[in-house]
N, C-alpha and C. Protein backbone atom coordinates (compact mmCIF):
# COMPACT_ATOMS: atom_id res chain seq x y z
N MET A 1 0.84 -1.22 -0.02
CA MET A 1 0.01 0.00 -0.05
C MET A 1 0.92 1.25 -0.03
N PRO A 2 0.55 2.19 -0.87
CA PRO A 2 1.45 3.51 -0.80
C PRO A 2 1.35 4.20 0.38
N ARG A 3 2.43 4.79 0.86
CA ARG A 3 2.43 5.66 2.02
C ARG A 3 2.15 7.09 1.71
N PRO A 4 1.50 7.67 2.67
CA PRO A 4 1.18 9.12 2.44
C PRO A 4 2.40 9.91 2.28
N GLN A 5 2.29 10.95 1.35
CA GLN A 5 3.50 11.78 1.08
C GLN A 5 3.67 12.91 2.07
N MET A 6 2.52 13.09 2.90
CA MET A 6 2.53 14.16 3.86
C MET A 6 1.67 13.72 4.99
N GLU A 7 1.97 14.19 6.26
CA GLU A 7 1.17 13.93 7.39
C GLU A 7 -0.05 14.91 7.51
N TRP A 8 -1.13 14.46 7.00
CA TRP A 8 -2.29 15.30 6.88
C TRP A 8 -2.94 15.48 8.25
N GLY A 9 -2.91 14.59 9.05
CA GLY A 9 -3.61 14.76 10.42
C GLY A 9 -3.03 16.02 11.19
N GLY A 10 -1.78 16.40 11.15
CA GLY A 10 -1.23 17.42 11.86
C GLY A 10 -1.30 18.79 11.16
N CYS A 11 -1.94 18.78 10.00
CA CYS A 11 -1.96 20.15 9.27
C CYS A 11 -3.02 21.00 9.87
N GLY A 12 -2.85 22.19 9.98
CA GLY A 12 -3.89 23.09 10.36
C GLY A 12 -4.19 24.03 9.17
N GLY A 13 -5.11 24.85 9.29
CA GLY A 13 -5.44 25.78 8.33
C GLY A 13 -6.22 25.20 7.09
N ASN A 14 -6.04 25.74 5.86
CA ASN A 14 -6.64 25.26 4.65
C ASN A 14 -5.82 24.22 4.05
N LEU A 15 -6.36 22.98 4.05
CA LEU A 15 -5.72 21.85 3.43
C LEU A 15 -5.42 21.92 1.97
N LEU A 16 -6.27 22.60 1.38
CA LEU A 16 -6.06 22.82 -0.10
C LEU A 16 -4.79 23.64 -0.37
N ILE A 17 -4.64 24.63 0.39
CA ILE A 17 -3.43 25.54 0.28
C ILE A 17 -2.16 24.68 0.75
N ASN A 18 -2.39 23.97 1.84
CA ASN A 18 -1.15 23.20 2.42
C ASN A 18 -0.76 22.21 1.30
N GLU A 19 -1.72 21.57 0.67
CA GLU A 19 -1.28 20.66 -0.43
C GLU A 19 -0.55 21.31 -1.57
N GLN A 20 -1.01 22.44 -1.87
CA GLN A 20 -0.33 23.16 -2.96
C GLN A 20 1.11 23.51 -2.63
N LEU A 21 1.34 23.86 -1.44
CA LEU A 21 2.70 24.35 -0.90
C LEU A 21 3.61 23.15 -0.41
N ALA A 22 3.05 21.98 -0.38
CA ALA A 22 3.88 20.93 0.16
C ALA A 22 4.61 20.29 -1.10
N LEU A 23 5.56 20.94 -1.58
CA LEU A 23 6.21 20.54 -2.80
C LEU A 23 7.67 20.20 -2.55
N ASN A 24 8.22 19.41 -3.42
CA ASN A 24 9.61 19.05 -3.39
C ASN A 24 10.35 20.19 -4.25
N VAL A 25 10.70 21.30 -3.61
CA VAL A 25 11.19 22.46 -4.43
C VAL A 25 12.53 22.10 -5.06
N PRO A 26 13.49 21.29 -4.47
CA PRO A 26 14.69 21.06 -5.25
C PRO A 26 14.31 20.08 -6.39
N GLY A 27 13.44 19.20 -6.32
CA GLY A 27 13.00 18.41 -7.49
C GLY A 27 12.35 19.30 -8.65
N LEU A 28 11.58 20.33 -8.15
CA LEU A 28 10.92 21.14 -9.10
C LEU A 28 11.96 22.02 -9.80
N GLN A 29 12.89 22.58 -9.18
CA GLN A 29 14.03 23.36 -9.78
C GLN A 29 14.78 22.54 -10.70
N GLU A 30 15.03 21.26 -10.39
CA GLU A 30 15.74 20.44 -11.37
C GLU A 30 14.90 20.10 -12.71
N PHE A 31 13.63 20.01 -12.52
CA PHE A 31 12.71 19.79 -13.58
C PHE A 31 12.70 20.98 -14.41
N VAL A 32 12.61 22.20 -13.78
CA VAL A 32 12.54 23.44 -14.56
C VAL A 32 13.92 23.60 -15.38
N GLN A 33 14.99 23.34 -14.72
CA GLN A 33 16.32 23.54 -15.49
C GLN A 33 16.36 22.65 -16.66
N ARG A 34 15.95 21.36 -16.57
CA ARG A 34 15.94 20.36 -17.72
C ARG A 34 14.93 20.81 -18.73
N GLY A 35 13.70 21.37 -18.27
CA GLY A 35 12.75 21.79 -19.16
C GLY A 35 13.07 23.11 -20.00
N GLU A 36 13.75 24.01 -19.39
CA GLU A 36 14.10 25.11 -19.95
C GLU A 36 14.98 24.88 -21.13
N ALA A 37 15.85 23.92 -21.00
CA ALA A 37 16.77 23.61 -22.00
C ALA A 37 16.10 23.07 -23.34
N THR A 38 14.87 22.64 -23.12
CA THR A 38 14.21 21.96 -24.35
C THR A 38 13.23 22.87 -24.97
N LEU A 39 13.08 24.21 -24.55
CA LEU A 39 12.14 25.05 -25.10
C LEU A 39 12.79 25.75 -26.50
N ASN A 40 11.97 25.89 -27.37
CA ASN A 40 12.35 26.58 -28.63
C ASN A 40 12.21 28.13 -28.29
N VAL A 41 12.68 28.95 -29.27
CA VAL A 41 12.65 30.37 -29.02
C VAL A 41 11.23 31.01 -28.73
N GLU A 42 10.26 30.42 -29.50
CA GLU A 42 8.96 31.05 -29.24
C GLU A 42 8.35 30.55 -27.78
N GLN A 43 8.59 29.25 -27.53
CA GLN A 43 8.23 28.79 -26.20
C GLN A 43 8.94 29.58 -25.08
N ARG A 44 10.27 29.78 -25.20
CA ARG A 44 11.10 30.52 -24.28
C ARG A 44 10.58 32.03 -24.00
N ASN A 45 10.19 32.62 -25.17
CA ASN A 45 9.76 33.94 -24.98
C ASN A 45 8.41 34.03 -24.19
N LEU A 46 7.44 33.00 -24.41
CA LEU A 46 6.20 33.07 -23.69
C LEU A 46 6.46 32.63 -22.28
N TYR A 47 7.46 31.71 -22.01
CA TYR A 47 7.88 31.26 -20.72
C TYR A 47 8.27 32.49 -19.84
N GLN A 48 9.16 33.15 -20.57
CA GLN A 48 9.67 34.43 -19.78
C GLN A 48 8.63 35.44 -19.46
N ALA A 49 7.75 35.62 -20.39
CA ALA A 49 6.74 36.64 -20.46
C ALA A 49 5.75 36.31 -19.14
N VAL A 50 5.33 35.04 -19.19
CA VAL A 50 4.50 34.58 -18.11
C VAL A 50 5.18 34.71 -16.65
N LEU A 51 6.43 34.29 -16.63
CA LEU A 51 7.15 34.28 -15.33
C LEU A 51 7.35 35.80 -14.99
N GLU A 52 7.64 36.69 -15.87
CA GLU A 52 7.73 38.07 -15.41
C GLU A 52 6.38 38.59 -15.01
N SER A 53 5.37 38.26 -15.63
CA SER A 53 4.01 38.76 -15.09
C SER A 53 3.68 38.26 -13.69
N VAL A 54 3.97 36.93 -13.42
CA VAL A 54 3.67 36.41 -12.21
C VAL A 54 4.44 36.98 -11.08
N MET A 55 5.84 37.08 -11.30
CA MET A 55 6.73 37.50 -10.32
C MET A 55 6.64 38.98 -10.09
N GLY A 56 6.17 39.66 -11.08
CA GLY A 56 5.97 41.07 -10.92
C GLY A 56 4.53 41.57 -10.45
N GLY A 57 3.65 40.51 -10.31
CA GLY A 57 2.33 40.69 -9.82
C GLY A 57 1.49 41.47 -10.76
N GLN A 58 1.72 41.35 -12.14
CA GLN A 58 1.04 42.11 -13.10
C GLN A 58 -0.31 41.65 -13.41
N GLY A 59 -0.62 40.38 -13.29
CA GLY A 59 -1.91 39.76 -13.44
C GLY A 59 -2.24 39.76 -15.03
N THR A 60 -1.28 39.60 -15.81
CA THR A 60 -1.56 39.57 -17.25
C THR A 60 -2.29 38.23 -17.59
N MET A 61 -3.27 38.45 -18.47
CA MET A 61 -4.02 37.14 -18.95
C MET A 61 -3.36 36.73 -20.40
N PHE A 62 -2.88 35.61 -20.53
CA PHE A 62 -2.32 35.13 -21.82
C PHE A 62 -3.29 34.11 -22.39
N PHE A 63 -3.40 34.02 -23.62
CA PHE A 63 -4.15 33.14 -24.38
C PHE A 63 -3.41 32.57 -25.44
N LEU A 64 -3.08 31.30 -25.38
CA LEU A 64 -2.29 30.68 -26.38
C LEU A 64 -3.02 29.65 -27.11
N GLN A 65 -3.15 29.87 -28.48
CA GLN A 65 -4.00 29.14 -29.30
C GLN A 65 -3.24 28.47 -30.44
N SER A 66 -3.32 27.26 -30.66
CA SER A 66 -2.67 26.49 -31.80
C SER A 66 -3.26 25.24 -31.96
N GLY A 67 -2.87 24.51 -33.09
CA GLY A 67 -3.34 23.20 -33.28
C GLY A 67 -2.84 22.14 -32.20
N GLY A 68 -3.43 21.04 -32.23
CA GLY A 68 -3.02 19.90 -31.40
C GLY A 68 -1.57 19.45 -31.73
N GLY A 69 -0.81 19.22 -30.74
CA GLY A 69 0.52 18.72 -30.83
C GLY A 69 1.69 19.68 -31.04
N CYS A 70 1.35 20.99 -30.77
CA CYS A 70 2.25 22.08 -31.04
C CYS A 70 3.00 22.44 -29.83
N GLY A 71 2.71 21.77 -28.70
CA GLY A 71 3.52 21.97 -27.45
C GLY A 71 3.07 22.98 -26.42
N LYS A 72 1.70 23.23 -26.53
CA LYS A 72 0.99 24.10 -25.53
C LYS A 72 1.04 23.52 -24.10
N THR A 73 0.61 22.14 -24.01
CA THR A 73 0.57 21.54 -22.71
C THR A 73 2.06 21.37 -22.28
N TYR A 74 2.96 21.00 -23.17
CA TYR A 74 4.34 20.79 -22.88
C TYR A 74 4.86 21.97 -22.15
N LEU A 75 4.58 23.21 -22.69
CA LEU A 75 5.13 24.43 -22.17
C LEU A 75 4.41 24.81 -20.77
N SER A 76 3.26 24.25 -20.61
CA SER A 76 2.66 24.66 -19.31
C SER A 76 3.24 23.93 -18.05
N ASN A 77 3.88 22.85 -18.35
CA ASN A 77 4.51 22.10 -17.11
C ASN A 77 5.76 22.95 -16.62
N PRO A 78 6.67 23.31 -17.50
CA PRO A 78 7.86 24.09 -16.86
C PRO A 78 7.40 25.45 -16.34
N ILE A 79 6.38 26.08 -16.81
CA ILE A 79 5.91 27.29 -16.36
C ILE A 79 5.25 27.04 -14.93
N ALA A 80 4.36 26.05 -14.88
CA ALA A 80 3.84 25.68 -13.55
C ALA A 80 4.89 25.42 -12.47
N SER A 81 5.78 24.50 -12.91
CA SER A 81 6.88 24.16 -11.99
C SER A 81 7.87 25.27 -11.60
N ALA A 82 8.11 26.25 -12.49
CA ALA A 82 8.99 27.33 -12.10
C ALA A 82 8.25 28.18 -11.11
N VAL A 83 7.03 28.46 -11.22
CA VAL A 83 6.23 29.26 -10.30
C VAL A 83 6.10 28.44 -8.95
N CYS A 84 5.81 27.27 -8.95
CA CYS A 84 5.69 26.41 -7.80
C CYS A 84 7.06 26.41 -6.95
N ALA A 85 8.11 26.36 -7.70
CA ALA A 85 9.55 26.36 -7.10
C ALA A 85 9.74 27.59 -6.38
N ARG A 86 9.10 28.62 -6.57
CA ARG A 86 9.22 29.85 -5.92
C ARG A 86 8.13 30.01 -4.74
N ASN A 87 7.69 28.95 -4.33
CA ASN A 87 6.72 28.75 -3.22
C ASN A 87 5.35 29.64 -3.44
N LYS A 88 4.91 29.57 -4.78
CA LYS A 88 3.77 30.25 -5.14
C LYS A 88 2.69 29.22 -5.59
N ILE A 89 1.42 29.47 -5.37
CA ILE A 89 0.39 28.54 -5.74
C ILE A 89 0.01 28.66 -7.28
N VAL A 90 0.04 27.54 -7.98
CA VAL A 90 -0.35 27.47 -9.25
C VAL A 90 -1.59 26.48 -9.42
N LEU A 91 -2.69 26.83 -10.05
CA LEU A 91 -3.82 25.94 -10.21
C LEU A 91 -3.79 25.73 -11.69
N CYS A 92 -3.75 24.34 -11.98
CA CYS A 92 -3.75 23.81 -13.25
C CYS A 92 -5.02 23.27 -13.49
N VAL A 93 -5.77 23.66 -14.47
CA VAL A 93 -7.05 23.02 -14.84
C VAL A 93 -7.14 22.81 -16.33
N ALA A 94 -8.11 22.00 -16.68
CA ALA A 94 -8.35 21.56 -18.09
C ALA A 94 -9.88 21.43 -18.21
N SER A 95 -10.36 21.47 -19.38
CA SER A 95 -11.78 21.31 -19.71
C SER A 95 -12.20 19.82 -19.50
N THR A 96 -11.25 18.85 -19.74
CA THR A 96 -11.60 17.45 -19.60
C THR A 96 -10.63 16.84 -18.70
N GLY A 97 -11.22 15.61 -18.14
CA GLY A 97 -10.43 14.87 -17.06
C GLY A 97 -9.08 14.32 -17.81
N ILE A 98 -9.17 14.00 -19.07
CA ILE A 98 -7.96 13.44 -19.79
C ILE A 98 -6.94 14.45 -19.84
N ALA A 99 -7.34 15.64 -20.36
CA ALA A 99 -6.38 16.78 -20.37
C ALA A 99 -5.73 17.20 -19.08
N SER A 100 -6.59 17.15 -18.05
CA SER A 100 -6.01 17.48 -16.69
C SER A 100 -4.98 16.50 -16.24
N LEU A 101 -4.94 15.30 -16.64
CA LEU A 101 -3.90 14.32 -16.20
C LEU A 101 -2.50 14.78 -16.66
N LEU A 102 -2.45 15.61 -17.73
CA LEU A 102 -1.19 16.00 -18.28
C LEU A 102 -0.58 17.21 -17.54
N LEU A 103 -1.33 17.77 -16.72
CA LEU A 103 -0.81 18.94 -15.94
C LEU A 103 -0.52 18.65 -14.46
N PRO A 104 0.55 19.25 -13.95
CA PRO A 104 0.96 18.97 -12.62
C PRO A 104 -0.03 19.48 -11.65
N GLY A 105 -0.62 18.48 -10.75
CA GLY A 105 -1.74 18.80 -9.88
C GLY A 105 -3.00 19.05 -10.55
N GLY A 106 -3.23 18.67 -11.88
CA GLY A 106 -4.27 19.08 -12.65
C GLY A 106 -5.66 18.61 -12.05
N HIS A 107 -6.58 19.47 -12.32
CA HIS A 107 -8.11 19.14 -11.99
C HIS A 107 -8.84 19.56 -13.29
N THR A 108 -10.06 19.13 -13.34
CA THR A 108 -10.97 19.70 -14.28
C THR A 108 -11.37 21.06 -13.80
N ALA A 109 -11.69 21.89 -14.75
CA ALA A 109 -12.17 23.23 -14.33
C ALA A 109 -13.43 23.13 -13.56
N HIS A 110 -14.37 22.20 -13.86
CA HIS A 110 -15.59 22.06 -13.17
C HIS A 110 -15.30 21.72 -11.76
N SER A 111 -14.37 20.80 -11.39
CA SER A 111 -14.13 20.52 -10.12
C SER A 111 -13.41 21.59 -9.23
N ARG A 112 -12.48 22.24 -9.85
CA ARG A 112 -11.68 23.18 -9.20
C ARG A 112 -12.52 24.49 -8.95
N PHE A 113 -13.32 24.94 -9.91
CA PHE A 113 -14.01 26.20 -9.75
C PHE A 113 -15.52 25.92 -9.45
N LYS A 114 -15.92 24.59 -9.19
CA LYS A 114 -17.24 24.30 -8.90
C LYS A 114 -18.36 24.87 -9.87
N ILE A 115 -17.91 24.58 -11.11
CA ILE A 115 -18.72 24.99 -12.24
C ILE A 115 -19.90 24.00 -12.33
N PRO A 116 -21.12 24.36 -12.31
CA PRO A 116 -22.26 23.28 -12.32
C PRO A 116 -22.36 22.68 -13.70
N ILE A 117 -22.83 21.49 -13.62
CA ILE A 117 -23.18 20.76 -14.80
C ILE A 117 -24.56 20.32 -14.78
N PRO A 118 -25.48 20.54 -15.71
CA PRO A 118 -25.16 21.39 -16.86
C PRO A 118 -25.03 22.92 -16.51
N CYS A 119 -24.27 23.62 -17.38
CA CYS A 119 -24.12 25.07 -17.20
C CYS A 119 -24.92 25.72 -18.13
N HIS A 120 -25.66 26.92 -17.63
CA HIS A 120 -26.63 27.63 -18.44
C HIS A 120 -26.36 29.18 -18.04
N GLU A 121 -27.16 30.01 -18.66
CA GLU A 121 -27.08 31.41 -18.39
C GLU A 121 -27.14 31.87 -16.87
N GLN A 122 -28.03 31.19 -16.23
CA GLN A 122 -28.16 31.63 -14.77
C GLN A 122 -27.25 30.77 -13.87
N SER A 123 -26.40 29.98 -14.36
CA SER A 123 -25.53 29.17 -13.52
C SER A 123 -24.54 30.15 -12.77
N VAL A 124 -24.12 29.64 -11.48
CA VAL A 124 -23.01 30.36 -10.85
C VAL A 124 -22.16 29.26 -10.31
N CYS A 125 -20.88 29.66 -10.08
CA CYS A 125 -20.02 28.58 -9.42
C CYS A 125 -20.34 28.57 -7.92
N ASN A 126 -20.18 27.44 -7.43
CA ASN A 126 -20.64 27.12 -6.10
C ASN A 126 -19.58 27.28 -5.15
N ILE A 127 -18.81 28.39 -5.10
CA ILE A 127 -17.79 28.79 -4.23
C ILE A 127 -18.26 29.96 -3.33
N LYS A 128 -18.37 29.59 -2.11
CA LYS A 128 -18.82 30.57 -1.03
C LYS A 128 -17.64 31.44 -0.56
N LYS A 129 -17.95 32.57 -0.17
CA LYS A 129 -16.85 33.48 0.44
C LYS A 129 -16.32 32.84 1.73
N ASP A 130 -15.14 32.89 1.82
CA ASP A 130 -14.43 32.31 3.12
C ASP A 130 -14.44 30.81 3.12
N ASP A 131 -14.80 29.99 2.08
CA ASP A 131 -14.59 28.66 2.10
C ASP A 131 -13.21 28.17 1.62
N LEU A 132 -12.70 27.01 1.77
CA LEU A 132 -11.43 26.59 1.36
C LEU A 132 -11.02 26.92 -0.08
N HIS A 133 -12.07 26.70 -1.02
CA HIS A 133 -11.62 26.99 -2.40
C HIS A 133 -11.55 28.46 -2.68
N HIS A 134 -12.33 29.25 -2.00
CA HIS A 134 -12.32 30.72 -2.09
C HIS A 134 -10.91 31.20 -1.77
N GLU A 135 -10.43 30.69 -0.56
CA GLU A 135 -9.12 31.15 -0.18
C GLU A 135 -8.00 30.55 -0.99
N LEU A 136 -8.13 29.46 -1.55
CA LEU A 136 -7.17 28.90 -2.44
C LEU A 136 -7.08 29.71 -3.70
N ILE A 137 -8.19 29.98 -4.35
CA ILE A 137 -8.12 30.82 -5.64
C ILE A 137 -7.59 32.20 -5.29
N GLN A 138 -7.98 32.80 -4.19
CA GLN A 138 -7.35 34.15 -3.79
C GLN A 138 -5.92 34.13 -3.77
N ARG A 139 -5.32 33.04 -3.21
CA ARG A 139 -3.95 32.92 -2.95
C ARG A 139 -3.15 32.40 -4.19
N ALA A 140 -3.81 31.99 -5.21
CA ALA A 140 -3.18 31.56 -6.54
C ALA A 140 -2.36 32.63 -7.14
N SER A 141 -1.14 32.46 -7.53
CA SER A 141 -0.43 33.35 -8.26
C SER A 141 -0.60 33.14 -9.77
N LEU A 142 -0.92 32.00 -10.23
CA LEU A 142 -1.16 31.50 -11.69
C LEU A 142 -2.16 30.55 -11.75
N ILE A 143 -2.99 30.79 -12.79
CA ILE A 143 -3.98 29.72 -13.19
C ILE A 143 -3.71 29.34 -14.61
N ILE A 144 -3.46 28.06 -14.82
CA ILE A 144 -3.18 27.55 -16.13
C ILE A 144 -4.50 26.78 -16.52
N TRP A 145 -5.00 27.14 -17.58
CA TRP A 145 -6.33 26.45 -18.09
C TRP A 145 -6.06 25.97 -19.46
N ASP A 146 -5.68 24.75 -19.51
CA ASP A 146 -5.36 23.99 -20.76
C ASP A 146 -6.79 23.73 -21.41
N GLU A 147 -6.85 23.79 -22.74
CA GLU A 147 -8.02 23.46 -23.48
C GLU A 147 -9.10 24.44 -23.21
N ALA A 148 -8.70 25.67 -22.78
CA ALA A 148 -9.81 26.71 -22.33
C ALA A 148 -10.72 26.91 -23.68
N ALA A 149 -10.25 26.77 -24.75
CA ALA A 149 -11.07 27.21 -26.01
C ALA A 149 -12.30 26.12 -26.02
N SER A 150 -12.00 25.00 -25.54
CA SER A 150 -13.21 23.97 -25.69
C SER A 150 -14.19 24.14 -24.51
N GLN A 151 -13.88 25.04 -23.63
CA GLN A 151 -14.80 25.29 -22.42
C GLN A 151 -15.87 26.31 -22.79
N HIS A 152 -17.14 25.99 -22.52
CA HIS A 152 -18.21 27.02 -22.91
C HIS A 152 -18.11 28.26 -21.95
N TYR A 153 -18.35 29.37 -22.47
CA TYR A 153 -18.35 30.56 -21.71
C TYR A 153 -19.17 31.70 -22.36
N GLU A 154 -19.78 32.51 -21.65
CA GLU A 154 -20.54 33.60 -22.09
C GLU A 154 -19.81 34.90 -22.28
N GLY A 155 -18.57 35.00 -21.79
CA GLY A 155 -17.83 36.16 -21.98
C GLY A 155 -16.57 36.03 -21.13
N ALA A 156 -15.62 36.96 -21.24
CA ALA A 156 -14.39 36.95 -20.46
C ALA A 156 -14.40 38.13 -19.52
N LEU A 157 -13.65 37.99 -18.49
CA LEU A 157 -13.52 39.10 -17.50
C LEU A 157 -12.64 40.20 -18.16
N SER A 158 -11.67 39.98 -18.93
CA SER A 158 -10.92 40.94 -19.63
C SER A 158 -10.36 40.27 -20.94
N GLN A 159 -9.74 41.25 -21.66
CA GLN A 159 -9.22 40.86 -22.99
C GLN A 159 -7.94 40.19 -22.71
N PRO A 160 -7.74 38.88 -23.23
CA PRO A 160 -6.42 38.22 -22.93
C PRO A 160 -5.34 38.70 -23.91
N LYS A 161 -4.15 38.67 -23.58
CA LYS A 161 -3.01 38.93 -24.53
C LYS A 161 -2.90 37.83 -25.47
N TYR A 162 -3.19 38.07 -26.64
CA TYR A 162 -2.99 37.00 -27.73
C TYR A 162 -1.56 36.73 -28.11
N VAL A 163 -1.14 35.51 -28.00
CA VAL A 163 0.22 35.07 -28.27
C VAL A 163 0.27 34.22 -29.63
N PRO A 164 0.71 34.71 -30.66
CA PRO A 164 0.77 33.87 -31.88
C PRO A 164 1.71 32.76 -31.60
N TRP A 165 1.43 31.67 -32.16
CA TRP A 165 2.16 30.39 -32.07
C TRP A 165 2.49 29.86 -33.46
N PRO A 166 3.75 29.31 -33.61
CA PRO A 166 4.00 28.82 -34.92
C PRO A 166 3.01 27.77 -35.47
N GLY A 167 2.62 27.85 -36.61
CA GLY A 167 1.65 26.98 -37.34
C GLY A 167 0.21 27.38 -37.07
N SER A 168 -0.02 28.48 -36.44
CA SER A 168 -1.43 28.80 -36.27
C SER A 168 -1.91 29.84 -37.26
């Protein structure tokens, strides 16, 4: 039987936040170093832009759109790891369960943000003020939403920064 990676019984506070911060930082740093070396010029430029935004607290929204197999999810992993290695919270979500498995700590957008199924015009996310999920989202420095284009939405909070990708 697998052993727990963390002693959950002695944890106080928000367990969702504790889970996000209980990381192997040296292992993440090693993963980031290996991953950075494999990025092409376009990937490296986006990687740097996202890290600068997160570390500078700019809150820039990026939208990366391209065909399948162009490396969007591949790039998400070193970005998420680089931010986590700096003891910041990254929430990785995807529109489908299969896509969420390819992200570090990935969840479906429906489970992480309590998006109701079915979703309609009067739907609201079931996150109450001051509950564990509310605090986790507030503390997040970065949200990576893979396959966001396949998620139904009625509008965006702000205009994302469009990043052209080779082959699009």
